[in-house]
Amino acid sequence: MPSDAGEIRVTRTTQPDAVDAAVLLTSTQALDPEMCVEVPRQSAPSYAVDDAPDAYEADTVFACGTWSVIPSADGWFGWTPNNPGEAEQSPAR
């Protein structure tokens, strides 16, 4: 998460063992290239989040470990888990 992240909204299930989540945040910083790399999109979030961009319209994502991230109007929108094909390309594996 960028150090200047603000207005952080996390969406996740109430199921105790579930690992899926989505986050929308404001930021003016670029993603850390030691953590994230741009790759073809193979996944999408489990949740629709108000004011978030449509992940299905993105051709590429930034793979940041098990998170996939795309730019939003004022920062970044990310989800986990991503597709293993995305995760394996991330420098943060």
PDB file of N, CA and C in Angstrom:
ATOM      1  N   MET A   1       0.847  -1.162   0.000  1.00  0.00           N
ATOM      2  CA  MET A   1       0.000   0.000   0.000  1.00  0.00           C
ATOM      3  C   MET A   1       0.901   1.237   0.000  1.00  0.00           C
ATOM      4  N   PRO A   2       0.620   2.204  -0.856  1.00  0.00           N
ATOM      5  CA  PRO A   2       1.446   3.410  -0.888  1.00  0.00           C
ATOM      6  C   PRO A   2       1.449   4.119   0.474  1.00  0.00           C
ATOM      7  N   SER A   3       2.550   4.764   0.791  1.00  0.00           N
ATOM      8  CA  SER A   3       2.661   5.420   2.093  1.00  0.00           C
ATOM      9  C   SER A   3       1.715   6.600   2.243  1.00  0.00           C
ATOM     10  N   ASP A   4       1.234   7.161   1.128  1.00  0.00           N
ATOM     11  CA  ASP A   4       0.300   8.282   1.225  1.00  0.00           C
ATOM     12  C   ASP A   4      -1.160   7.840   1.083  1.00  0.00           C
ATOM     13  N   ALA A   5      -1.436   6.543   1.209  1.00  0.00           N
ATOM     14  CA  ALA A   5      -2.789   6.021   1.032  1.00  0.00           C
ATOM     15  C   ALA A   5      -3.760   6.677   2.003  1.00  0.00           C
ATOM     16  N   GLY A   6      -4.906   7.050   1.467  1.00  0.00           N
ATOM     17  CA  GLY A   6      -5.958   7.639   2.281  1.00  0.00           C
ATOM     18  C   GLY A   6      -7.304   7.139   1.820  1.00  0.00           C
ATOM     19  N   GLU A   7      -8.347   7.502   2.549  1.00  0.00           N
ATOM     20  CA  GLU A   7      -9.710   7.087   2.217  1.00  0.00           C
ATOM     21  C   GLU A   7      -9.748   5.602   1.855  1.00  0.00           C
ATOM     22  N   ILE A   8      -9.166   4.789   2.685  1.00  0.00           N
ATOM     23  CA  ILE A   8      -9.039   3.349   2.422  1.00  0.00           C
ATOM     24  C   ILE A   8     -10.364   2.660   2.725  1.00  0.00           C
ATOM     25  N   ARG A   9     -10.906   1.985   1.712  1.00  0.00           N
ATOM     26  CA  ARG A   9     -12.145   1.217   1.881  1.00  0.00           C
ATOM     27  C   ARG A   9     -11.849  -0.242   1.566  1.00  0.00           C
ATOM     28  N   VAL A  10     -12.040  -1.091   2.553  1.00  0.00           N
ATOM     29  CA  VAL A  10     -11.824  -2.527   2.394  1.00  0.00           C
ATOM     30  C   VAL A  10     -13.176  -3.215   2.375  1.00  0.00           C
ATOM     31  N   THR A  11     -13.356  -4.104   1.415  1.00  0.00           N
ATOM     32  CA  THR A  11     -14.582  -4.895   1.305  1.00  0.00           C
ATOM     33  C   THR A  11     -14.187  -6.358   1.372  1.00  0.00           C
ATOM     34  N   ARG A  12     -14.841  -7.080   2.267  1.00  0.00           N
ATOM     35  CA  ARG A  12     -14.575  -8.516   2.363  1.00  0.00           C
ATOM     36  C   ARG A  12     -15.785  -9.224   2.925  1.00  0.00           C
ATOM     37  N   THR A  13     -15.785 -10.516   2.850  1.00  0.00           N
ATOM     38  CA  THR A  13     -16.891 -11.323   3.325  1.00  0.00           C
ATOM     39  C   THR A  13     -16.871 -11.422   4.855  1.00  0.00           C
ATOM     40  N   THR A  14     -17.987 -11.843   5.397  1.00  0.00           N
ATOM     41  CA  THR A  14     -18.037 -12.096   6.838  1.00  0.00           C
ATOM     42  C   THR A  14     -17.719 -13.554   7.155  1.00  0.00           C
ATOM     43  N   GLN A  15     -17.469 -14.355   6.126  1.00  0.00           N
ATOM     44  CA  GLN A  15     -17.108 -15.754   6.333  1.00  0.00           C
ATOM     45  C   GLN A  15     -15.728 -15.832   6.987  1.00  0.00           C
ATOM     46  N   PRO A  16     -15.575 -16.543   8.092  1.00  0.00           N
ATOM     47  CA  PRO A  16     -14.318 -16.518   8.853  1.00  0.00           C
ATOM     48  C   PRO A  16     -13.079 -17.039   8.118  1.00  0.00           C
ATOM     49  N   ASP A  17     -13.216 -17.997   7.232  1.00  0.00           N
ATOM     50  CA  ASP A  17     -12.037 -18.584   6.578  1.00  0.00           C
ATOM     51  C   ASP A  17     -11.780 -18.031   5.179  1.00  0.00           C
ATOM     52  N   ALA A  18     -12.584 -17.096   4.729  1.00  0.00           N
ATOM     53  CA  ALA A  18     -12.433 -16.557   3.378  1.00  0.00           C
ATOM     54  C   ALA A  18     -11.228 -15.624   3.308  1.00  0.00           C
ATOM     55  N   VAL A  19     -10.548 -15.644   2.172  1.00  0.00           N
ATOM     56  CA  VAL A  19      -9.360 -14.811   1.986  1.00  0.00           C
ATOM     57  C   VAL A  19      -9.567 -13.715   0.955  1.00  0.00           C
ATOM     58  N   ASP A  20     -10.730 -13.688   0.308  1.00  0.00           N
ATOM     59  CA  ASP A  20     -10.947 -12.694  -0.743  1.00  0.00           C
ATOM     60  C   ASP A  20     -11.310 -11.335  -0.135  1.00  0.00           C
ATOM     61  N   ALA A  21     -10.793 -10.293  -0.785  1.00  0.00           N
ATOM     62  CA  ALA A  21     -11.023  -8.922  -0.340  1.00  0.00           C
ATOM     63  C   ALA A  21     -10.769  -7.987  -1.501  1.00  0.00           C
ATOM     64  N   ALA A  22     -11.290  -6.776  -1.362  1.00  0.00           N
ATOM     65  CA  ALA A  22     -11.032  -5.702  -2.326  1.00  0.00           C
ATOM     66  C   ALA A  22     -10.743  -4.438  -1.533  1.00  0.00           C
ATOM     67  N   VAL A  23      -9.874  -3.584  -2.092  1.00  0.00           N
ATOM     68  CA  VAL A  23      -9.546  -2.322  -1.426  1.00  0.00           C
ATOM     69  C   VAL A  23      -9.504  -1.207  -2.463  1.00  0.00           C
ATOM     70  N   LEU A  24     -10.094  -0.081  -2.108  1.00  0.00           N
ATOM     71  CA  LEU A  24     -10.073   1.121  -2.931  1.00  0.00           C
ATOM     72  C   LEU A  24      -9.483   2.225  -2.072  1.00  0.00           C
ATOM     73  N   LEU A  25      -8.477   2.918  -2.602  1.00  0.00           N
ATOM     74  CA  LEU A  25      -7.823   3.956  -1.807  1.00  0.00           C
ATOM     75  C   LEU A  25      -7.389   5.115  -2.676  1.00  0.00           C
ATOM     76  N   THR A  26      -7.179   6.255  -2.037  1.00  0.00           N
ATOM     77  CA  THR A  26      -6.639   7.409  -2.740  1.00  0.00           C
ATOM     78  C   THR A  26      -5.128   7.434  -2.535  1.00  0.00           C
ATOM     79  N   SER A  27      -4.415   7.873  -3.560  1.00  0.00           N
ATOM     80  CA  SER A  27      -2.954   7.952  -3.499  1.00  0.00           C
ATOM     81  C   SER A  27      -2.461   8.692  -4.736  1.00  0.00           C
ATOM     82  N   THR A  28      -1.365   9.416  -4.571  1.00  0.00           N
ATOM     83  CA  THR A  28      -0.726  10.048  -5.725  1.00  0.00           C
ATOM     84  C   THR A  28       0.573   9.344  -6.076  1.00  0.00           C
ATOM     85  N   GLN A  29       0.932   8.324  -5.312  1.00  0.00           N
ATOM     86  CA  GLN A  29       2.198   7.621  -5.531  1.00  0.00           C
ATOM     87  C   GLN A  29       2.051   6.466  -6.518  1.00  0.00           C
ATOM     88  N   ALA A  30       3.134   6.189  -7.204  1.00  0.00           N
ATOM     89  CA  ALA A  30       3.207   5.008  -8.070  1.00  0.00           C
ATOM     90  C   ALA A  30       3.387   3.770  -7.191  1.00  0.00           C
ATOM     91  N   LEU A  31       3.071   2.614  -7.726  1.00  0.00           N
ATOM     92  CA  LEU A  31       3.297   1.369  -7.001  1.00  0.00           C
ATOM     93  C   LEU A  31       4.788   1.051  -6.995  1.00  0.00           C
ATOM     94  N   ASP A  32       5.237   0.395  -5.959  1.00  0.00           N
ATOM     95  CA  ASP A  32       6.645   0.041  -5.788  1.00  0.00           C
ATOM     96  C   ASP A  32       7.037  -1.031  -6.811  1.00  0.00           C
ATOM     97  N   PRO A  33       7.980  -0.741  -7.719  1.00  0.00           N
ATOM     98  CA  PRO A  33       8.375  -1.725  -8.732  1.00  0.00           C
ATOM     99  C   PRO A  33       9.084  -2.949  -8.142  1.00  0.00           C
ATOM    100  N   GLU A  34       9.514  -2.868  -6.901  1.00  0.00           N
ATOM    101  CA  GLU A  34      10.102  -4.047  -6.251  1.00  0.00           C
ATOM    102  C   GLU A  34       9.020  -4.979  -5.717  1.00  0.00           C
ATOM    103  N   MET A  35       7.769  -4.499  -5.713  1.00  0.00           N
ATOM    104  CA  MET A  35       6.646  -5.298  -5.222  1.00  0.00           C
ATOM    105  C   MET A  35       5.658  -5.663  -6.331  1.00  0.00           C
ATOM    106  N   CYS A  36       5.558  -4.807  -7.350  1.00  0.00           N
ATOM    107  CA  CYS A  36       4.499  -4.938  -8.344  1.00  0.00           C
ATOM    108  C   CYS A  36       5.053  -4.845  -9.767  1.00  0.00           C
ATOM    109  N   VAL A  37       4.440  -5.614 -10.664  1.00  0.00           N
ATOM    110  CA  VAL A  37       4.807  -5.582 -12.075  1.00  0.00           C
ATOM    111  C   VAL A  37       3.523  -5.642 -12.900  1.00  0.00           C
ATOM    112  N   GLU A  38       3.509  -4.917 -14.016  1.00  0.00           N
ATOM    113  CA  GLU A  38       2.332  -4.917 -14.886  1.00  0.00           C
ATOM    114  C   GLU A  38       2.309  -6.188 -15.733  1.00  0.00           C
ATOM    115  N   VAL A  39       1.148  -6.862 -15.720  1.00  0.00           N
ATOM    116  CA  VAL A  39       0.976  -8.127 -16.441  1.00  0.00           C
ATOM    117  C   VAL A  39      -0.414  -8.147 -17.079  1.00  0.00           C
ATOM    118  N   PRO A  40      -0.644  -9.037 -18.039  1.00  0.00           N
ATOM    119  CA  PRO A  40      -1.997  -9.170 -18.588  1.00  0.00           C
ATOM    120  C   PRO A  40      -2.982  -9.585 -17.482  1.00  0.00           C
ATOM    121  N   ARG A  41      -4.164  -8.977 -17.482  1.00  0.00           N
ATOM    122  CA  ARG A  41      -5.170  -9.290 -16.455  1.00  0.00           C
ATOM    123  C   ARG A  41      -5.748 -10.680 -16.685  1.00  0.00           C
ATOM    124  N   GLN A  42      -5.773 -11.475 -15.610  1.00  0.00           N
ATOM    125  CA  GLN A  42      -6.359 -12.810 -15.641  1.00  0.00           C
ATOM    126  C   GLN A  42      -7.405 -12.996 -14.545  1.00  0.00           C
ATOM    127  N   SER A  43      -7.589 -11.986 -13.690  1.00  0.00           N
ATOM    128  CA  SER A  43      -8.521 -12.117 -12.574  1.00  0.00           C
ATOM    129  C   SER A  43      -9.368 -10.858 -12.454  1.00  0.00           C
ATOM    130  N   ALA A  44     -10.327 -10.906 -11.555  1.00  0.00           N
ATOM    131  CA  ALA A  44     -11.180  -9.763 -11.242  1.00  0.00           C
ATOM    132  C   ALA A  44     -11.634  -9.914  -9.793  1.00  0.00           C
ATOM    133  N   PRO A  45     -12.070  -8.827  -9.181  1.00  0.00           N
ATOM    134  CA  PRO A  45     -12.470  -8.906  -7.774  1.00  0.00           C
ATOM    135  C   PRO A  45     -13.757  -9.699  -7.580  1.00  0.00           C
ATOM    136  N   SER A  46     -13.936 -10.210  -6.380  1.00  0.00           N
ATOM    137  CA  SER A  46     -15.159 -10.934  -6.014  1.00  0.00           C
ATOM    138  C   SER A  46     -16.298  -9.982  -5.688  1.00  0.00           C
ATOM    139  N   TYR A  47     -15.959  -8.709  -5.456  1.00  0.00           N
ATOM    140  CA  TYR A  47     -16.940  -7.735  -4.986  1.00  0.00           C
ATOM    141  C   TYR A  47     -17.035  -6.532  -5.914  1.00  0.00           C
ATOM    142  N   ALA A  48     -18.248  -6.016  -6.052  1.00  0.00           N
ATOM    143  CA  ALA A  48     -18.444  -4.735  -6.717  1.00  0.00           C
ATOM    144  C   ALA A  48     -18.294  -3.662  -5.651  1.00  0.00           C
ATOM    145  N   VAL A  49     -17.449  -2.683  -5.912  1.00  0.00           N
ATOM    146  CA  VAL A  49     -17.190  -1.624  -4.946  1.00  0.00           C
ATOM    147  C   VAL A  49     -17.596  -0.297  -5.567  1.00  0.00           C
ATOM    148  N   ASP A  50     -18.453   0.451  -4.862  1.00  0.00           N
ATOM    149  CA  ASP A  50     -18.884   1.762  -5.363  1.00  0.00           C
ATOM    150  C   ASP A  50     -17.678   2.637  -5.671  1.00  0.00           C
ATOM    151  N   ASP A  51     -17.724   3.318  -6.788  1.00  0.00           N
ATOM    152  CA  ASP A  51     -16.698   4.260  -7.247  1.00  0.00           C
ATOM    153  C   ASP A  51     -15.402   3.598  -7.720  1.00  0.00           C
ATOM    154  N   ALA A  52     -15.335   2.279  -7.717  1.00  0.00           N
ATOM    155  CA  ALA A  52     -14.144   1.575  -8.205  1.00  0.00           C
ATOM    156  C   ALA A  52     -14.236   1.410  -9.716  1.00  0.00           C
ATOM    157  N   PRO A  53     -13.093   1.373 -10.389  1.00  0.00           N
ATOM    158  CA  PRO A  53     -13.121   1.123 -11.836  1.00  0.00           C
ATOM    159  C   PRO A  53     -13.582  -0.306 -12.126  1.00  0.00           C
ATOM    160  N   ASP A  54     -14.039  -0.531 -13.328  1.00  0.00           N
ATOM    161  CA  ASP A  54     -14.471  -1.864 -13.752  1.00  0.00           C
ATOM    162  C   ASP A  54     -13.241  -2.678 -14.139  1.00  0.00           C
ATOM    163  N   ALA A  55     -12.916  -3.661 -13.343  1.00  0.00           N
ATOM    164  CA  ALA A  55     -11.730  -4.485 -13.600  1.00  0.00           C
ATOM    165  C   ALA A  55     -11.824  -5.213 -14.938  1.00  0.00           C
ATOM    166  N   TYR A  56     -13.024  -5.520 -15.375  1.00  0.00           N
ATOM    167  CA  TYR A  56     -13.185  -6.234 -16.647  1.00  0.00           C
ATOM    168  C   TYR A  56     -12.805  -5.376 -17.846  1.00  0.00           C
ATOM    169  N   GLU A  57     -12.741  -4.074 -17.666  1.00  0.00           N
ATOM    170  CA  GLU A  57     -12.318  -3.187 -18.756  1.00  0.00           C
ATOM    171  C   GLU A  57     -10.796  -3.060 -18.830  1.00  0.00           C
ATOM    172  N   ALA A  58     -10.096  -3.542 -17.821  1.00  0.00           N
ATOM    173  CA  ALA A  58      -8.626  -3.439 -17.786  1.00  0.00           C
ATOM    174  C   ALA A  58      -7.999  -4.596 -18.557  1.00  0.00           C
ATOM    175  N   ASP A  59      -7.070  -4.270 -19.438  1.00  0.00           N
ATOM    176  CA  ASP A  59      -6.326  -5.307 -20.154  1.00  0.00           C
ATOM    177  C   ASP A  59      -5.151  -5.813 -19.330  1.00  0.00           C
ATOM    178  N   THR A  60      -4.620  -4.927 -18.469  1.00  0.00           N
ATOM    179  CA  THR A  60      -3.484  -5.289 -17.636  1.00  0.00           C
ATOM    180  C   THR A  60      -3.764  -4.904 -16.183  1.00  0.00           C
ATOM    181  N   VAL A  61      -3.019  -5.535 -15.280  1.00  0.00           N
ATOM    182  CA  VAL A  61      -3.065  -5.223 -13.853  1.00  0.00           C
ATOM    183  C   VAL A  61      -1.636  -5.169 -13.349  1.00  0.00           C
ATOM    184  N   PHE A  62      -1.466  -4.603 -12.185  1.00  0.00           N
ATOM    185  CA  PHE A  62      -0.187  -4.713 -11.496  1.00  0.00           C
ATOM    186  C   PHE A  62      -0.304  -5.890 -10.547  1.00  0.00           C
ATOM    187  N   ALA A  63       0.545  -6.900 -10.740  1.00  0.00           N
ATOM    188  CA  ALA A  63       0.574  -8.053  -9.849  1.00  0.00           C
ATOM    189  C   ALA A  63       1.503  -7.712  -8.696  1.00  0.00           C
ATOM    190  N   CYS A  64       0.933  -7.699  -7.486  1.00  0.00           N
ATOM    191  CA  CYS A  64       1.662  -7.346  -6.266  1.00  0.00           C
ATOM    192  C   CYS A  64       1.480  -8.501  -5.290  1.00  0.00           C
ATOM    193  N   GLY A  65       2.269  -9.548  -5.451  1.00  0.00           N
ATOM    194  CA  GLY A  65       2.061 -10.751  -4.646  1.00  0.00           C
ATOM    195  C   GLY A  65       0.748 -11.387  -5.046  1.00  0.00           C
ATOM    196  N   THR A  66      -0.121 -11.660  -4.058  1.00  0.00           N
ATOM    197  CA  THR A  66      -1.426 -12.261  -4.336  1.00  0.00           C
ATOM    198  C   THR A  66      -2.504 -11.225  -4.611  1.00  0.00           C
ATOM    199  N   TRP A  67      -2.105  -9.960  -4.709  1.00  0.00           N
ATOM    200  CA  TRP A  67      -3.028  -8.873  -5.029  1.00  0.00           C
ATOM    201  C   TRP A  67      -2.849  -8.441  -6.481  1.00  0.00           C
ATOM    202  N   SER A  68      -3.959  -8.099  -7.133  1.00  0.00           N
ATOM    203  CA  SER A  68      -3.941  -7.444  -8.437  1.00  0.00           C
ATOM    204  C   SER A  68      -4.474  -6.040  -8.231  1.00  0.00           C
ATOM    205  N   VAL A  69      -3.855  -5.066  -8.909  1.00  0.00           N
ATOM    206  CA  VAL A  69      -4.163  -3.658  -8.673  1.00  0.00           C
ATOM    207  C   VAL A  69      -4.276  -2.928 -10.010  1.00  0.00           C
ATOM    208  N   ILE A  70      -5.285  -2.054 -10.095  1.00  0.00           N
ATOM    209  CA  ILE A  70      -5.439  -1.189 -11.268  1.00  0.00           C
ATOM    210  C   ILE A  70      -5.618   0.249 -10.781  1.00  0.00           C
ATOM    211  N   PRO A  71      -5.298   1.208 -11.648  1.00  0.00           N
ATOM    212  CA  PRO A  71      -5.509   2.609 -11.256  1.00  0.00           C
ATOM    213  C   PRO A  71      -7.000   2.908 -11.089  1.00  0.00           C
ATOM    214  N   SER A  72      -7.307   3.781 -10.145  1.00  0.00           N
ATOM    215  CA  SER A  72      -8.663   4.304  -9.984  1.00  0.00           C
ATOM    216  C   SER A  72      -8.607   5.807 -10.241  1.00  0.00           C
ATOM    217  N   ALA A  73      -9.720   6.459 -10.155  1.00  0.00           N
ATOM    218  CA  ALA A  73      -9.771   7.896 -10.448  1.00  0.00           C
ATOM    219  C   ALA A  73      -8.823   8.700  -9.566  1.00  0.00           C
ATOM    220  N   ASP A  74      -8.709   8.308  -8.299  1.00  0.00           N
ATOM    221  CA  ASP A  74      -7.889   9.066  -7.351  1.00  0.00           C
ATOM    222  C   ASP A  74      -6.803   8.236  -6.686  1.00  0.00           C
ATOM    223  N   GLY A  75      -6.522   7.056  -7.215  1.00  0.00           N
ATOM    224  CA  GLY A  75      -5.519   6.208  -6.565  1.00  0.00           C
ATOM    225  C   GLY A  75      -5.483   4.819  -7.163  1.00  0.00           C
ATOM    226  N   TRP A  76      -5.821   3.827  -6.330  1.00  0.00           N
ATOM    227  CA  TRP A  76      -5.682   2.431  -6.730  1.00  0.00           C
ATOM    228  C   TRP A  76      -6.853   1.596  -6.247  1.00  0.00           C
ATOM    229  N   PHE A  77      -7.163   0.548  -7.029  1.00  0.00           N
ATOM    230  CA  PHE A  77      -8.176  -0.439  -6.678  1.00  0.00           C
ATOM    231  C   PHE A  77      -7.518  -1.806  -6.788  1.00  0.00           C
ATOM    232  N   GLY A  78      -7.596  -2.597  -5.736  1.00  0.00           N
ATOM    233  CA  GLY A  78      -6.958  -3.912  -5.749  1.00  0.00           C
ATOM    234  C   GLY A  78      -7.847  -4.994  -5.178  1.00  0.00           C
ATOM    235  N   TRP A  79      -7.515  -6.248  -5.507  1.00  0.00           N
ATOM    236  CA  TRP A  79      -8.267  -7.391  -5.005  1.00  0.00           C
ATOM    237  C   TRP A  79      -7.331  -8.576  -4.803  1.00  0.00           C
ATOM    238  N   THR A  80      -7.776  -9.445  -3.931  1.00  0.00           N
ATOM    239  CA  THR A  80      -7.074 -10.695  -3.646  1.00  0.00           C
ATOM    240  C   THR A  80      -8.108 -11.776  -3.410  1.00  0.00           C
ATOM    241  N   PRO A  81      -7.882 -13.009  -3.735  1.00  0.00           N
ATOM    242  CA  PRO A  81      -6.679 -13.471  -4.412  1.00  0.00           C
ATOM    243  C   PRO A  81      -6.757 -13.164  -5.897  1.00  0.00           C
ATOM    244  N   ASN A  82      -5.596 -13.076  -6.489  1.00  0.00           N
ATOM    245  CA  ASN A  82      -5.554 -12.921  -7.937  1.00  0.00           C
ATOM    246  C   ASN A  82      -5.324 -14.293  -8.568  1.00  0.00           C
ATOM    247  N   ASN A  83      -5.251 -14.329  -9.858  1.00  0.00           N
ATOM    248  CA  ASN A  83      -4.998 -15.561 -10.579  1.00  0.00           C
ATOM    249  C   ASN A  83      -3.554 -16.002 -10.317  1.00  0.00           C
ATOM    250  N   PRO A  84      -3.304 -17.301 -10.123  1.00  0.00           N
ATOM    251  CA  PRO A  84      -1.921 -17.756  -9.907  1.00  0.00           C
ATOM    252  C   PRO A  84      -0.968 -17.315 -11.024  1.00  0.00           C
ATOM    253  N   GLY A  85      -1.469 -17.175 -12.249  1.00  0.00           N
ATOM    254  CA  GLY A  85      -0.632 -16.709 -13.355  1.00  0.00           C
ATOM    255  C   GLY A  85      -0.175 -15.277 -13.164  1.00  0.00           C
ATOM    256  N   GLU A  86      -0.984 -14.470 -12.503  1.00  0.00           N
ATOM    257  CA  GLU A  86      -0.576 -13.107 -12.172  1.00  0.00           C
ATOM    258  C   GLU A  86       0.406 -13.140 -11.006  1.00  0.00           C
ATOM    259  N   ALA A  87       0.038 -13.862  -9.965  1.00  0.00           N
ATOM    260  CA  ALA A  87       0.859 -13.897  -8.743  1.00  0.00           C
ATOM    261  C   ALA A  87       2.280 -14.389  -9.010  1.00  0.00           C
ATOM    262  N   GLU A  88       2.421 -15.386  -9.879  1.00  0.00           N
ATOM    263  CA  GLU A  88       3.756 -15.944 -10.122  1.00  0.00           C
ATOM    264  C   GLU A  88       4.683 -14.980 -10.858  1.00  0.00           C
ATOM    265  N   GLN A  89       4.125 -13.959 -11.482  1.00  0.00           N
ATOM    266  CA  GLN A  89       4.935 -12.966 -12.191  1.00  0.00           C
ATOM    267  C   GLN A  89       5.351 -11.800 -11.284  1.00  0.00           C
ATOM    268  N   SER A  90       4.738 -11.727 -10.123  1.00  0.00           N
ATOM    269  CA  SER A  90       5.004 -10.621  -9.202  1.00  0.00           C
ATOM    270  C   SER A  90       6.384 -10.744  -8.566  1.00  0.00           C
ATOM    271  N   PRO A  91       7.095  -9.628  -8.453  1.00  0.00           N
ATOM    272  CA  PRO A  91       8.380  -9.673  -7.757  1.00  0.00           C
ATOM    273  C   PRO A  91       8.216  -9.883  -6.251  1.00  0.00           C
ATOM    274  N   ALA A  92       6.981  -9.749  -5.737  1.00  0.00           N
ATOM    275  CA  ALA A  92       6.718  -9.902  -4.301  1.00  0.00           C
ATOM    276  C   ALA A  92       6.245 -11.309  -3.941  1.00  0.00           C
ATOM    277  N   ARG A  93       6.545 -12.293  -4.780  1.00  0.00           N
ATOM    278  CA  ARG A  93       6.082 -13.666  -4.528  1.00  0.00           C
ATOM    279  C   ARG A  93       6.535 -14.138  -3.220  1.00  0.00           C
TER     280      ARG A  93
END
